[in-house]
Amino acid sequence: QVQLVESGGGLVQAGGSLRLSCVASGSTFGVYVMGWLRQVPGKEREFVAAISWNGGRTYYADSVKGRFTISRDNAKNTVYLQMNSLKPEDTAVYYCAAHRDYYCSGDKCRQTSSYDYWGQGTQVTVSN
């Protein structure tokens, strides 16, 4: 079992930046692939980014590639999502999630159903 708590969401103007953090507890953080996914009311949850156990592999949705960066610090049991050049369409609840394996294929990392544990989410709102 692992518990995940996100923070760092908020209101930002278009073009601005935010950094989300997710702290894990309750299990060995280093054995999990970590992901960020987001959801808008009335729509399905969608993949944003994922990172392998040691940070050696990262995956991004096409919509955020070049603007968002996922990273992790296993000593702090924390995964980050640096979001730059934010757009109004990035507005969503952002969820941190853990997949119980060291690596995942690109396709598997992108599937919501691949993740075993979820945080409660943090709201990101980007205004025009």
Foldseek 3Di string as FASTA:
>chain_A
DKAKAKDWADEEAAQAKIKMKIAIDDDQLLFWKKFKWWDDPPDDIWGAKIAFSQRPDIAGDPVQPPFWDWDDDSVRRMIMIIGGRDDQVVWTWMKMFIARGRDDPRVLNGDPVRTDDIYPTDTHGYHD
